[in-house]
Amino acid sequence: MRTRLAAALITLTVPIFMTGCLGKVKYPTYYTLDLPSAPDPPVRAGTRPTVAVREFRSPVYLRQGAIVYRPSPEQVGLYNYQRWAVNPSEFVTRATADRLRATGKFGEVTIYDGRADVDFVVTGRLEKLDEIDYEGGVNAEVALSAQMTDFRSGKTIWTGEASQVDKVDKRTVAGVVAAMTDALDGAIQKLLASLAVPAANAEPLGDRAQR
């Protein structure tokens, strides 16, 4: 599905004007994922470990700014004028940190800045954030993977991966972005569901979420 509709969650407001023989100038429309804020964490007594989340990595095609569609498993297409207003990897990083904070399992959750005063570091990858246009209908697919390491020992204590596919109900780019938002929310919840938090410097858990 390739639409050219102007409906958007965030729109760059610019005039469209005539430029003589060149005709109309078309400007990009910008979109953003729109996850609701996670609830406040439950109140828990006792000392809890701290964690920092590194910015999620992603494939090159997801870093080019354009919204992605797949007409087949082998093809990756980029919309010409429908683009992300925010780097998806940065958005996923902050959303994951927000939801880690909401679990109440950690005393502090921050975005990793290289500092050495945390117990654990989460490193992740946004594997897919795609519009899927094959196998009937139009769907949005999100896939994530992550691991948590003990900052001091460098040992990996948890690994996880999760994905979710949601149907696109409204066949516009805005509808695709809305479905991607829902799929991302579900994928993050699945990913973090398997995360059991040990004491700092504990032995690896060897747990892995299932797709």
N, C-alpha and C. Protein backbone atom coordinates (compact mmCIF):
# COMPACT_ATOMS: atom_id res chain seq x y z
N MET A 1 0.85 -1.20 0.00
CA MET A 1 0.00 0.00 0.00
C MET A 1 0.87 1.23 0.00
N ARG A 2 0.65 2.10 -0.96
CA ARG A 2 1.38 3.37 -0.98
C ARG A 2 0.35 4.47 -1.11
N THR A 3 0.13 5.18 -0.08
CA THR A 3 -0.84 6.27 -0.12
C THR A 3 -0.11 7.58 -0.19
N ARG A 4 -0.82 8.60 -0.60
CA ARG A 4 -0.26 9.94 -0.65
C ARG A 4 -1.18 10.91 0.08
N LEU A 5 -1.89 10.39 1.10
CA LEU A 5 -2.81 11.24 1.83
C LEU A 5 -2.06 12.11 2.81
N ALA A 6 -2.60 13.26 3.14
CA ALA A 6 -1.89 14.23 3.97
C ALA A 6 -2.24 14.14 5.43
N ALA A 7 -3.16 13.23 5.84
CA ALA A 7 -3.51 13.12 7.26
C ALA A 7 -2.29 12.71 8.04
N ALA A 8 -2.05 13.36 9.18
CA ALA A 8 -0.82 13.11 9.93
C ALA A 8 -1.05 13.35 11.39
N LEU A 9 -0.21 12.73 12.20
CA LEU A 9 -0.20 12.98 13.63
C LEU A 9 0.57 14.25 13.94
N ILE A 10 1.68 14.44 13.26
CA ILE A 10 2.44 15.69 13.38
C ILE A 10 2.73 16.15 11.96
N THR A 11 2.38 17.36 11.64
CA THR A 11 2.51 17.86 10.28
C THR A 11 3.39 19.08 10.25
N LEU A 12 4.31 19.10 9.34
CA LEU A 12 5.11 20.29 9.10
C LEU A 12 4.27 21.23 8.24
N THR A 13 3.89 22.37 8.80
CA THR A 13 3.00 23.29 8.10
C THR A 13 3.81 24.18 7.18
N VAL A 14 3.62 23.97 5.88
CA VAL A 14 4.31 24.76 4.87
C VAL A 14 3.35 25.03 3.74
N PRO A 15 3.49 26.14 3.05
CA PRO A 15 2.61 26.43 1.92
C PRO A 15 3.00 25.61 0.71
N ILE A 16 1.99 25.25 -0.08
CA ILE A 16 2.23 24.62 -1.37
C ILE A 16 1.89 25.65 -2.43
N PHE A 17 2.82 25.99 -3.27
CA PHE A 17 2.60 27.08 -4.21
C PHE A 17 3.08 26.67 -5.60
N MET A 18 2.67 27.46 -6.55
CA MET A 18 3.04 27.19 -7.94
C MET A 18 4.40 27.82 -8.24
N THR A 19 5.23 27.11 -8.96
CA THR A 19 6.54 27.63 -9.33
C THR A 19 6.70 27.60 -10.85
N GLY A 20 5.79 28.30 -11.52
CA GLY A 20 5.88 28.38 -12.98
C GLY A 20 5.70 27.03 -13.61
N CYS A 21 6.58 26.68 -14.51
CA CYS A 21 6.45 25.44 -15.26
C CYS A 21 6.75 24.22 -14.42
N LEU A 22 7.31 24.39 -13.23
CA LEU A 22 7.63 23.23 -12.39
C LEU A 22 6.39 22.68 -11.70
N GLY A 23 5.31 23.46 -11.67
CA GLY A 23 4.09 22.98 -11.04
C GLY A 23 4.17 23.06 -9.53
N LYS A 24 3.38 22.24 -8.86
CA LYS A 24 3.30 22.28 -7.41
C LYS A 24 4.54 21.67 -6.78
N VAL A 25 4.97 22.30 -5.68
CA VAL A 25 6.07 21.75 -4.89
C VAL A 25 5.47 20.92 -3.76
N LYS A 26 5.89 19.70 -3.62
CA LYS A 26 5.35 18.83 -2.58
C LYS A 26 6.33 18.74 -1.43
N TYR A 27 5.82 18.93 -0.22
CA TYR A 27 6.64 18.89 0.98
C TYR A 27 6.32 17.63 1.78
N PRO A 28 7.30 17.13 2.55
CA PRO A 28 7.06 15.92 3.34
C PRO A 28 6.02 16.15 4.44
N THR A 29 5.33 15.09 4.79
CA THR A 29 4.45 15.07 5.95
C THR A 29 5.14 14.22 7.02
N TYR A 30 5.13 14.70 8.23
CA TYR A 30 5.87 14.04 9.31
C TYR A 30 4.91 13.39 10.31
N TYR A 31 5.31 12.22 10.80
CA TYR A 31 4.50 11.43 11.71
C TYR A 31 5.33 11.06 12.94
N THR A 32 4.62 10.73 14.02
CA THR A 32 5.31 10.23 15.20
C THR A 32 4.50 9.12 15.83
N LEU A 33 5.17 8.18 16.46
CA LEU A 33 4.51 7.19 17.31
C LEU A 33 3.98 7.92 18.54
N ASP A 34 2.91 7.40 19.12
CA ASP A 34 2.22 8.16 20.16
C ASP A 34 1.81 7.24 21.31
N LEU A 35 2.78 6.66 21.98
CA LEU A 35 2.49 5.79 23.13
C LEU A 35 2.07 6.63 24.33
N PRO A 36 1.07 6.19 25.07
CA PRO A 36 0.72 6.90 26.31
C PRO A 36 1.82 6.70 27.35
N SER A 37 1.94 7.63 28.26
CA SER A 37 2.94 7.49 29.33
C SER A 37 2.60 6.30 30.20
N ALA A 38 3.63 5.61 30.66
CA ALA A 38 3.43 4.47 31.56
C ALA A 38 2.97 4.97 32.92
N PRO A 39 2.22 4.15 33.67
CA PRO A 39 1.76 4.58 34.99
C PRO A 39 2.92 4.72 35.96
N ASP A 40 2.67 5.42 37.06
CA ASP A 40 3.69 5.55 38.10
C ASP A 40 4.03 4.18 38.68
N PRO A 41 5.30 3.94 39.01
CA PRO A 41 5.68 2.64 39.56
C PRO A 41 5.06 2.42 40.94
N PRO A 42 4.83 1.16 41.32
CA PRO A 42 4.33 0.89 42.66
C PRO A 42 5.37 1.23 43.71
N VAL A 43 4.91 1.57 44.88
CA VAL A 43 5.82 1.89 45.98
C VAL A 43 6.35 0.59 46.58
N ARG A 44 7.66 0.47 46.65
CA ARG A 44 8.28 -0.75 47.19
C ARG A 44 9.36 -0.37 48.20
N ALA A 45 9.38 -1.12 49.27
CA ALA A 45 10.38 -0.88 50.30
C ALA A 45 11.68 -1.59 49.93
N GLY A 46 12.77 -1.15 50.56
CA GLY A 46 14.05 -1.81 50.36
C GLY A 46 14.84 -1.19 49.23
N THR A 47 16.10 -1.60 49.15
CA THR A 47 17.01 -1.10 48.12
C THR A 47 16.78 -1.84 46.82
N ARG A 48 16.67 -1.12 45.73
CA ARG A 48 16.48 -1.72 44.41
C ARG A 48 17.63 -1.33 43.50
N PRO A 49 18.00 -2.20 42.56
CA PRO A 49 19.12 -1.89 41.66
C PRO A 49 18.76 -0.76 40.70
N THR A 50 19.78 -0.21 40.07
CA THR A 50 19.59 0.85 39.08
C THR A 50 19.97 0.33 37.70
N VAL A 51 19.36 0.93 36.68
CA VAL A 51 19.59 0.47 35.32
C VAL A 51 19.61 1.66 34.37
N ALA A 52 20.45 1.56 33.35
CA ALA A 52 20.49 2.56 32.28
C ALA A 52 20.20 1.86 30.95
N VAL A 53 19.49 2.53 30.06
CA VAL A 53 19.11 1.96 28.77
C VAL A 53 19.91 2.67 27.67
N ARG A 54 20.71 1.91 26.94
CA ARG A 54 21.42 2.48 25.79
C ARG A 54 20.44 2.73 24.65
N GLU A 55 20.79 3.69 23.77
CA GLU A 55 19.93 3.91 22.61
C GLU A 55 19.88 2.64 21.76
N PHE A 56 18.68 2.21 21.41
CA PHE A 56 18.48 1.02 20.62
C PHE A 56 19.12 1.19 19.24
N ARG A 57 19.72 0.15 18.76
CA ARG A 57 20.23 0.13 17.39
C ARG A 57 19.09 -0.26 16.44
N SER A 58 19.32 -0.14 15.15
CA SER A 58 18.32 -0.53 14.16
C SER A 58 18.99 -0.74 12.82
N PRO A 59 18.33 -1.47 11.89
CA PRO A 59 18.89 -1.62 10.54
C PRO A 59 19.02 -0.26 9.85
N VAL A 60 19.89 -0.20 8.86
CA VAL A 60 20.15 1.05 8.16
C VAL A 60 18.87 1.63 7.57
N TYR A 61 18.01 0.79 7.00
CA TYR A 61 16.83 1.33 6.32
C TYR A 61 15.86 2.01 7.28
N LEU A 62 15.91 1.66 8.57
CA LEU A 62 15.06 2.33 9.54
C LEU A 62 15.66 3.63 10.06
N ARG A 63 16.90 3.90 9.68
CA ARG A 63 17.56 5.12 10.14
C ARG A 63 17.54 6.23 9.08
N GLN A 64 16.86 6.00 7.97
CA GLN A 64 16.86 6.98 6.88
C GLN A 64 15.75 8.00 6.99
N GLY A 65 14.88 7.86 7.99
CA GLY A 65 13.85 8.86 8.24
C GLY A 65 12.52 8.61 7.57
N ALA A 66 12.49 7.77 6.55
CA ALA A 66 11.24 7.51 5.83
C ALA A 66 10.48 6.35 6.48
N ILE A 67 9.15 6.40 6.43
CA ILE A 67 8.33 5.28 6.87
C ILE A 67 8.50 4.14 5.87
N VAL A 68 8.58 2.93 6.39
CA VAL A 68 8.95 1.76 5.59
C VAL A 68 7.74 0.90 5.28
N TYR A 69 7.66 0.40 4.07
CA TYR A 69 6.65 -0.59 3.71
C TYR A 69 7.34 -1.76 3.00
N ARG A 70 6.73 -2.93 3.11
CA ARG A 70 7.27 -4.14 2.48
C ARG A 70 6.21 -4.75 1.57
N PRO A 71 6.38 -4.62 0.26
CA PRO A 71 5.43 -5.25 -0.67
C PRO A 71 5.62 -6.76 -0.76
N SER A 72 6.76 -7.26 -0.31
CA SER A 72 7.03 -8.70 -0.26
C SER A 72 8.11 -8.92 0.80
N PRO A 73 8.32 -10.17 1.25
CA PRO A 73 9.35 -10.41 2.27
C PRO A 73 10.74 -9.97 1.83
N GLU A 74 10.99 -9.96 0.51
CA GLU A 74 12.32 -9.63 0.02
C GLU A 74 12.50 -8.15 -0.29
N GLN A 75 11.43 -7.39 -0.34
CA GLN A 75 11.51 -5.99 -0.75
C GLN A 75 11.30 -5.04 0.42
N VAL A 76 12.07 -3.96 0.42
CA VAL A 76 11.89 -2.88 1.38
C VAL A 76 11.68 -1.59 0.61
N GLY A 77 10.53 -0.96 0.82
CA GLY A 77 10.24 0.30 0.16
C GLY A 77 10.19 1.44 1.16
N LEU A 78 10.51 2.64 0.70
CA LEU A 78 10.50 3.83 1.55
C LEU A 78 9.54 4.85 0.94
N TYR A 79 8.62 5.36 1.74
CA TYR A 79 7.74 6.42 1.26
C TYR A 79 8.57 7.66 0.93
N ASN A 80 8.23 8.32 -0.15
CA ASN A 80 8.98 9.51 -0.56
C ASN A 80 8.69 10.73 0.30
N TYR A 81 7.44 10.88 0.72
CA TYR A 81 7.04 12.11 1.40
C TYR A 81 6.44 11.88 2.78
N GLN A 82 6.42 10.64 3.27
CA GLN A 82 5.92 10.34 4.61
C GLN A 82 7.11 9.93 5.47
N ARG A 83 7.44 10.76 6.44
CA ARG A 83 8.68 10.58 7.19
C ARG A 83 8.42 10.64 8.70
N TRP A 84 9.39 10.13 9.46
CA TRP A 84 9.30 10.18 10.92
C TRP A 84 9.77 11.55 11.43
N ALA A 85 9.00 12.09 12.36
CA ALA A 85 9.39 13.36 12.99
C ALA A 85 10.45 13.13 14.06
N VAL A 86 10.48 11.90 14.60
CA VAL A 86 11.44 11.54 15.65
C VAL A 86 12.12 10.25 15.23
N ASN A 87 13.42 10.14 15.48
CA ASN A 87 14.15 8.91 15.20
C ASN A 87 13.48 7.74 15.92
N PRO A 88 12.97 6.72 15.20
CA PRO A 88 12.29 5.61 15.87
C PRO A 88 13.14 4.91 16.93
N SER A 89 14.44 4.79 16.70
CA SER A 89 15.30 4.13 17.69
C SER A 89 15.34 4.91 19.00
N GLU A 90 15.41 6.23 18.87
CA GLU A 90 15.39 7.07 20.07
C GLU A 90 14.05 6.96 20.79
N PHE A 91 12.97 6.93 20.01
CA PHE A 91 11.64 6.82 20.61
C PHE A 91 11.50 5.50 21.37
N VAL A 92 11.92 4.39 20.74
CA VAL A 92 11.81 3.08 21.38
C VAL A 92 12.67 3.02 22.65
N THR A 93 13.83 3.63 22.61
CA THR A 93 14.70 3.67 23.80
C THR A 93 13.99 4.32 24.97
N ARG A 94 13.40 5.47 24.72
CA ARG A 94 12.74 6.20 25.81
C ARG A 94 11.46 5.49 26.26
N ALA A 95 10.75 4.89 25.33
CA ALA A 95 9.55 4.14 25.70
C ALA A 95 9.89 2.93 26.56
N THR A 96 10.98 2.25 26.21
CA THR A 96 11.41 1.09 27.00
C THR A 96 11.83 1.51 28.40
N ALA A 97 12.58 2.60 28.50
CA ALA A 97 12.98 3.11 29.81
C ALA A 97 11.76 3.50 30.64
N ASP A 98 10.79 4.13 29.99
CA ASP A 98 9.57 4.55 30.69
C ASP A 98 8.83 3.34 31.25
N ARG A 99 8.75 2.27 30.50
CA ARG A 99 8.04 1.09 30.95
C ARG A 99 8.85 0.27 31.94
N LEU A 100 10.16 0.30 31.84
CA LEU A 100 10.99 -0.30 32.89
C LEU A 100 10.78 0.41 34.22
N ARG A 101 10.71 1.72 34.16
CA ARG A 101 10.49 2.53 35.38
C ARG A 101 9.15 2.18 36.01
N ALA A 102 8.14 1.95 35.18
CA ALA A 102 6.79 1.67 35.67
C ALA A 102 6.68 0.32 36.37
N THR A 103 7.61 -0.61 36.10
CA THR A 103 7.55 -1.91 36.76
C THR A 103 7.85 -1.81 38.25
N GLY A 104 8.56 -0.76 38.66
CA GLY A 104 8.94 -0.63 40.06
C GLY A 104 10.04 -1.57 40.49
N LYS A 105 10.65 -2.27 39.55
CA LYS A 105 11.71 -3.23 39.88
C LYS A 105 13.05 -2.55 40.11
N PHE A 106 13.17 -1.30 39.67
CA PHE A 106 14.44 -0.60 39.75
C PHE A 106 14.31 0.68 40.58
N GLY A 107 15.36 1.00 41.31
CA GLY A 107 15.36 2.23 42.08
C GLY A 107 15.49 3.45 41.20
N GLU A 108 16.16 3.29 40.06
CA GLU A 108 16.33 4.40 39.12
C GLU A 108 16.50 3.83 37.72
N VAL A 109 15.85 4.45 36.75
CA VAL A 109 15.98 4.07 35.34
C VAL A 109 16.37 5.32 34.56
N THR A 110 17.49 5.26 33.86
CA THR A 110 17.97 6.42 33.10
C THR A 110 18.35 6.00 31.69
N ILE A 111 18.53 6.99 30.83
CA ILE A 111 19.11 6.75 29.51
C ILE A 111 20.63 6.73 29.67
N TYR A 112 21.28 5.74 29.12
CA TYR A 112 22.71 5.55 29.32
C TYR A 112 23.52 6.73 28.76
N ASP A 113 24.39 7.26 29.60
CA ASP A 113 25.25 8.37 29.18
C ASP A 113 26.72 8.09 29.44
N GLY A 114 27.06 6.81 29.66
CA GLY A 114 28.45 6.43 29.88
C GLY A 114 28.87 6.45 31.33
N ARG A 115 27.99 6.87 32.21
CA ARG A 115 28.39 6.95 33.61
C ARG A 115 28.53 5.56 34.22
N ALA A 116 29.26 5.47 35.32
CA ALA A 116 29.61 4.17 35.91
C ALA A 116 28.90 3.92 37.24
N ASP A 117 27.79 4.61 37.53
CA ASP A 117 27.15 4.44 38.82
C ASP A 117 25.78 3.78 38.71
N VAL A 118 25.65 2.80 37.80
CA VAL A 118 24.43 2.00 37.70
C VAL A 118 24.80 0.53 37.88
N ASP A 119 23.81 -0.27 38.24
CA ASP A 119 24.05 -1.70 38.41
C ASP A 119 23.97 -2.46 37.09
N PHE A 120 23.00 -2.09 36.25
CA PHE A 120 22.77 -2.83 35.01
C PHE A 120 22.65 -1.88 33.82
N VAL A 121 22.93 -2.42 32.64
CA VAL A 121 22.74 -1.67 31.39
C VAL A 121 21.94 -2.54 30.44
N VAL A 122 20.89 -1.96 29.86
CA VAL A 122 20.08 -2.64 28.86
C VAL A 122 20.50 -2.15 27.47
N THR A 123 20.82 -3.08 26.60
CA THR A 123 21.17 -2.78 25.21
C THR A 123 20.14 -3.45 24.31
N GLY A 124 19.56 -2.69 23.37
CA GLY A 124 18.50 -3.27 22.56
C GLY A 124 18.65 -2.96 21.08
N ARG A 125 17.76 -3.57 20.31
CA ARG A 125 17.75 -3.37 18.87
C ARG A 125 16.31 -3.36 18.38
N LEU A 126 15.96 -2.34 17.62
CA LEU A 126 14.68 -2.29 16.92
C LEU A 126 14.87 -3.04 15.62
N GLU A 127 14.36 -4.26 15.56
CA GLU A 127 14.59 -5.11 14.39
C GLU A 127 13.67 -4.75 13.23
N LYS A 128 12.40 -4.43 13.53
CA LYS A 128 11.44 -4.13 12.48
C LYS A 128 10.47 -3.05 12.97
N LEU A 129 10.11 -2.17 12.07
CA LEU A 129 9.03 -1.20 12.25
C LEU A 129 8.47 -0.96 10.86
N ASP A 130 7.71 -1.95 10.38
CA ASP A 130 7.38 -2.02 8.96
C ASP A 130 5.88 -2.11 8.71
N GLU A 131 5.46 -1.52 7.62
CA GLU A 131 4.13 -1.77 7.06
C GLU A 131 4.26 -3.01 6.19
N ILE A 132 3.40 -4.00 6.41
CA ILE A 132 3.46 -5.27 5.68
C ILE A 132 2.30 -5.33 4.71
N ASP A 133 2.61 -5.44 3.41
CA ASP A 133 1.59 -5.38 2.37
C ASP A 133 1.44 -6.69 1.60
N TYR A 134 1.75 -7.81 2.22
CA TYR A 134 1.61 -9.09 1.56
C TYR A 134 0.91 -10.07 2.51
N GLU A 135 0.57 -11.23 2.01
CA GLU A 135 -0.14 -12.26 2.77
C GLU A 135 -1.54 -11.80 3.18
N GLY A 136 -2.14 -10.94 2.37
CA GLY A 136 -3.51 -10.52 2.61
C GLY A 136 -3.62 -9.38 3.58
N GLY A 137 -4.30 -8.33 3.19
CA GLY A 137 -4.49 -7.18 4.07
C GLY A 137 -3.23 -6.35 4.23
N VAL A 138 -3.32 -5.39 5.12
CA VAL A 138 -2.19 -4.52 5.45
C VAL A 138 -1.99 -4.59 6.96
N ASN A 139 -0.75 -4.83 7.38
CA ASN A 139 -0.43 -4.98 8.80
C ASN A 139 0.78 -4.14 9.17
N ALA A 140 0.93 -3.92 10.45
CA ALA A 140 2.13 -3.26 10.99
C ALA A 140 2.88 -4.27 11.85
N GLU A 141 4.17 -4.40 11.61
CA GLU A 141 4.98 -5.36 12.35
C GLU A 141 6.10 -4.64 13.09
N VAL A 142 6.25 -4.97 14.36
CA VAL A 142 7.33 -4.46 15.19
C VAL A 142 8.06 -5.65 15.81
N ALA A 143 9.38 -5.63 15.78
CA ALA A 143 10.19 -6.67 16.41
C ALA A 143 11.32 -6.02 17.19
N LEU A 144 11.56 -6.51 18.40
CA LEU A 144 12.58 -5.97 19.29
C LEU A 144 13.42 -7.10 19.86
N SER A 145 14.65 -6.78 20.20
CA SER A 145 15.49 -7.70 20.97
C SER A 145 16.30 -6.86 21.95
N ALA A 146 16.70 -7.48 23.05
CA ALA A 146 17.44 -6.73 24.07
C ALA A 146 18.19 -7.68 24.97
N GLN A 147 19.16 -7.13 25.69
CA GLN A 147 19.86 -7.88 26.71
C GLN A 147 20.21 -6.93 27.85
N MET A 148 20.36 -7.50 29.04
CA MET A 148 20.78 -6.71 30.19
C MET A 148 22.08 -7.29 30.74
N THR A 149 23.04 -6.43 30.98
CA THR A 149 24.33 -6.86 31.50
C THR A 149 24.61 -6.21 32.84
N ASP A 150 25.38 -6.92 33.65
CA ASP A 150 25.86 -6.36 34.91
C ASP A 150 26.96 -5.36 34.56
N PHE A 151 26.79 -4.12 34.96
CA PHE A 151 27.72 -3.07 34.54
C PHE A 151 29.13 -3.34 35.01
N ARG A 152 29.28 -3.87 36.21
CA ARG A 152 30.62 -4.05 36.79
C ARG A 152 31.32 -5.29 36.26
N SER A 153 30.60 -6.40 36.16
CA SER A 153 31.23 -7.63 35.72
C SER A 153 31.18 -7.82 34.20
N GLY A 154 30.25 -7.15 33.53
CA GLY A 154 30.08 -7.32 32.09
C GLY A 154 29.32 -8.57 31.71
N LYS A 155 28.83 -9.34 32.68
CA LYS A 155 28.10 -10.56 32.40
C LYS A 155 26.69 -10.25 31.90
N THR A 156 26.26 -11.01 30.89
CA THR A 156 24.89 -10.90 30.42
C THR A 156 23.98 -11.69 31.35
N ILE A 157 22.99 -11.05 31.92
CA ILE A 157 22.12 -11.74 32.89
C ILE A 157 20.70 -11.95 32.36
N TRP A 158 20.39 -11.36 31.21
CA TRP A 158 19.06 -11.58 30.62
C TRP A 158 19.12 -11.23 29.14
N THR A 159 18.44 -12.03 28.33
CA THR A 159 18.24 -11.71 26.93
C THR A 159 16.78 -11.93 26.59
N GLY A 160 16.27 -11.16 25.69
CA GLY A 160 14.86 -11.31 25.31
C GLY A 160 14.62 -10.83 23.91
N GLU A 161 13.56 -11.33 23.31
CA GLU A 161 13.14 -10.87 22.01
C GLU A 161 11.62 -11.01 21.91
N ALA A 162 11.00 -10.12 21.19
CA ALA A 162 9.55 -10.15 21.07
C ALA A 162 9.13 -9.43 19.81
N SER A 163 7.97 -9.82 19.29
CA SER A 163 7.44 -9.15 18.11
C SER A 163 5.92 -9.14 18.19
N GLN A 164 5.32 -8.24 17.43
CA GLN A 164 3.86 -8.19 17.36
C GLN A 164 3.45 -7.65 16.00
N VAL A 165 2.38 -8.22 15.47
CA VAL A 165 1.81 -7.78 14.20
C VAL A 165 0.37 -7.34 14.47
N ASP A 166 0.04 -6.11 14.09
CA ASP A 166 -1.31 -5.58 14.26
C ASP A 166 -1.90 -5.21 12.90
N LYS A 167 -3.18 -5.48 12.75
CA LYS A 167 -3.88 -5.15 11.51
C LYS A 167 -4.05 -3.64 11.39
N VAL A 168 -3.90 -3.13 10.17
CA VAL A 168 -4.15 -1.73 9.88
C VAL A 168 -5.62 -1.59 9.50
N ASP A 169 -6.40 -0.93 10.36
CA ASP A 169 -7.83 -0.80 10.12
C ASP A 169 -8.14 0.32 9.13
N LYS A 170 -7.43 1.42 9.23
CA LYS A 170 -7.66 2.56 8.35
C LYS A 170 -6.49 2.67 7.39
N ARG A 171 -6.73 2.48 6.12
CA ARG A 171 -5.65 2.38 5.15
C ARG A 171 -5.16 3.74 4.67
N THR A 172 -4.60 4.46 5.60
CA THR A 172 -3.89 5.70 5.33
C THR A 172 -2.56 5.59 6.04
N VAL A 173 -1.64 6.48 5.74
CA VAL A 173 -0.36 6.44 6.44
C VAL A 173 -0.57 6.68 7.94
N ALA A 174 -1.48 7.61 8.27
CA ALA A 174 -1.78 7.83 9.68
C ALA A 174 -2.33 6.56 10.34
N GLY A 175 -3.13 5.80 9.60
CA GLY A 175 -3.64 4.54 10.13
C GLY A 175 -2.55 3.51 10.33
N VAL A 176 -1.58 3.49 9.42
CA VAL A 176 -0.42 2.60 9.56
C VAL A 176 0.38 2.96 10.80
N VAL A 177 0.62 4.26 11.00
CA VAL A 177 1.39 4.71 12.16
C VAL A 177 0.66 4.36 13.45
N ALA A 178 -0.66 4.50 13.47
CA ALA A 178 -1.43 4.13 14.65
C ALA A 178 -1.29 2.64 14.96
N ALA A 179 -1.32 1.80 13.91
CA ALA A 179 -1.15 0.35 14.11
C ALA A 179 0.27 0.03 14.58
N MET A 180 1.25 0.75 14.06
CA MET A 180 2.63 0.57 14.51
C MET A 180 2.77 0.92 15.99
N THR A 181 2.07 1.97 16.42
CA THR A 181 2.11 2.36 17.83
C THR A 181 1.58 1.24 18.71
N ASP A 182 0.43 0.67 18.32
CA ASP A 182 -0.15 -0.42 19.10
C ASP A 182 0.77 -1.64 19.11
N ALA A 183 1.35 -1.95 17.96
CA ALA A 183 2.24 -3.11 17.88
C ALA A 183 3.50 -2.89 18.72
N LEU A 184 4.01 -1.67 18.72
CA LEU A 184 5.19 -1.36 19.53
C LEU A 184 4.89 -1.51 21.01
N ASP A 185 3.75 -1.01 21.43
CA ASP A 185 3.36 -1.12 22.84
C ASP A 185 3.30 -2.58 23.25
N GLY A 186 2.67 -3.41 22.41
CA GLY A 186 2.57 -4.83 22.73
C GLY A 186 3.92 -5.52 22.74
N ALA A 187 4.79 -5.17 21.78
CA ALA A 187 6.10 -5.81 21.71
C ALA A 187 6.95 -5.46 22.93
N ILE A 188 6.91 -4.21 23.37
CA ILE A 188 7.67 -3.83 24.56
C ILE A 188 7.17 -4.58 25.79
N GLN A 189 5.85 -4.69 25.93
CA GLN A 189 5.30 -5.42 27.07
C GLN A 189 5.74 -6.88 27.06
N LYS A 190 5.70 -7.52 25.88
CA LYS A 190 6.15 -8.91 25.77
C LYS A 190 7.64 -9.02 26.11
N LEU A 191 8.42 -8.09 25.60
CA LEU A 191 9.87 -8.13 25.81
C LEU A 191 10.21 -8.06 27.30
N LEU A 192 9.57 -7.14 28.01
CA LEU A 192 9.92 -6.93 29.42
C LEU A 192 9.25 -7.91 30.36
N ALA A 193 8.25 -8.66 29.86
CA ALA A 193 7.53 -9.60 30.73
C ALA A 193 8.46 -10.68 31.29
N SER A 194 9.51 -11.02 30.54
CA SER A 194 10.41 -12.09 30.98
C SER A 194 11.56 -11.58 31.84
N LEU A 195 11.61 -10.28 32.06
CA LEU A 195 12.75 -9.69 32.77
C LEU A 195 12.58 -9.86 34.28
N ALA A 196 13.34 -10.78 34.84
CA ALA A 196 13.42 -10.94 36.29
C ALA A 196 14.69 -10.25 36.75
N VAL A 197 14.58 -9.44 37.78
CA VAL A 197 15.72 -8.62 38.19
C VAL A 197 16.44 -9.28 39.36
N PRO A 198 17.68 -9.73 39.14
CA PRO A 198 18.46 -10.30 40.23
C PRO A 198 19.17 -9.21 41.01
N ALA A 199 19.80 -9.60 42.08
CA ALA A 199 20.68 -8.65 42.76
C ALA A 199 21.88 -8.37 41.87
N ALA A 200 22.50 -7.24 42.03
CA ALA A 200 23.68 -6.91 41.22
C ALA A 200 24.74 -7.98 41.39
N ASN A 201 25.41 -8.27 40.26
CA ASN A 201 26.49 -9.27 40.23
C ASN A 201 26.00 -10.69 40.43
N ALA A 202 24.71 -10.96 40.21
CA ALA A 202 24.19 -12.32 40.34
C ALA A 202 24.54 -13.12 39.09
N GLU A 203 24.28 -14.44 39.15
CA GLU A 203 24.58 -15.30 38.03
C GLU A 203 23.57 -15.08 36.90
N PRO A 204 23.93 -15.38 35.65
CA PRO A 204 23.02 -15.20 34.53
C PRO A 204 21.72 -15.98 34.71
N LEU A 205 20.60 -15.39 34.26
CA LEU A 205 19.30 -16.04 34.39
C LEU A 205 19.04 -17.01 33.24
N GLY A 206 19.56 -16.69 32.06
CA GLY A 206 19.34 -17.54 30.93
C GLY A 206 17.91 -17.56 30.44
N ASP A 207 17.14 -16.51 30.71
CA ASP A 207 15.74 -16.45 30.30
C ASP A 207 15.63 -15.81 28.94
N ARG A 208 14.65 -16.25 28.18
CA ARG A 208 14.43 -15.65 26.85
C ARG A 208 12.95 -15.65 26.55
N ALA A 209 12.44 -14.49 26.18
CA ALA A 209 11.04 -14.40 25.77
C ALA A 209 10.86 -15.05 24.41
N GLN A 210 9.66 -15.52 24.15
CA GLN A 210 9.38 -16.16 22.88
C GLN A 210 8.64 -15.21 21.95
N ARG A 211 8.95 -15.31 20.68
CA ARG A 211 8.22 -14.53 19.69
C ARG A 211 6.79 -15.05 19.63
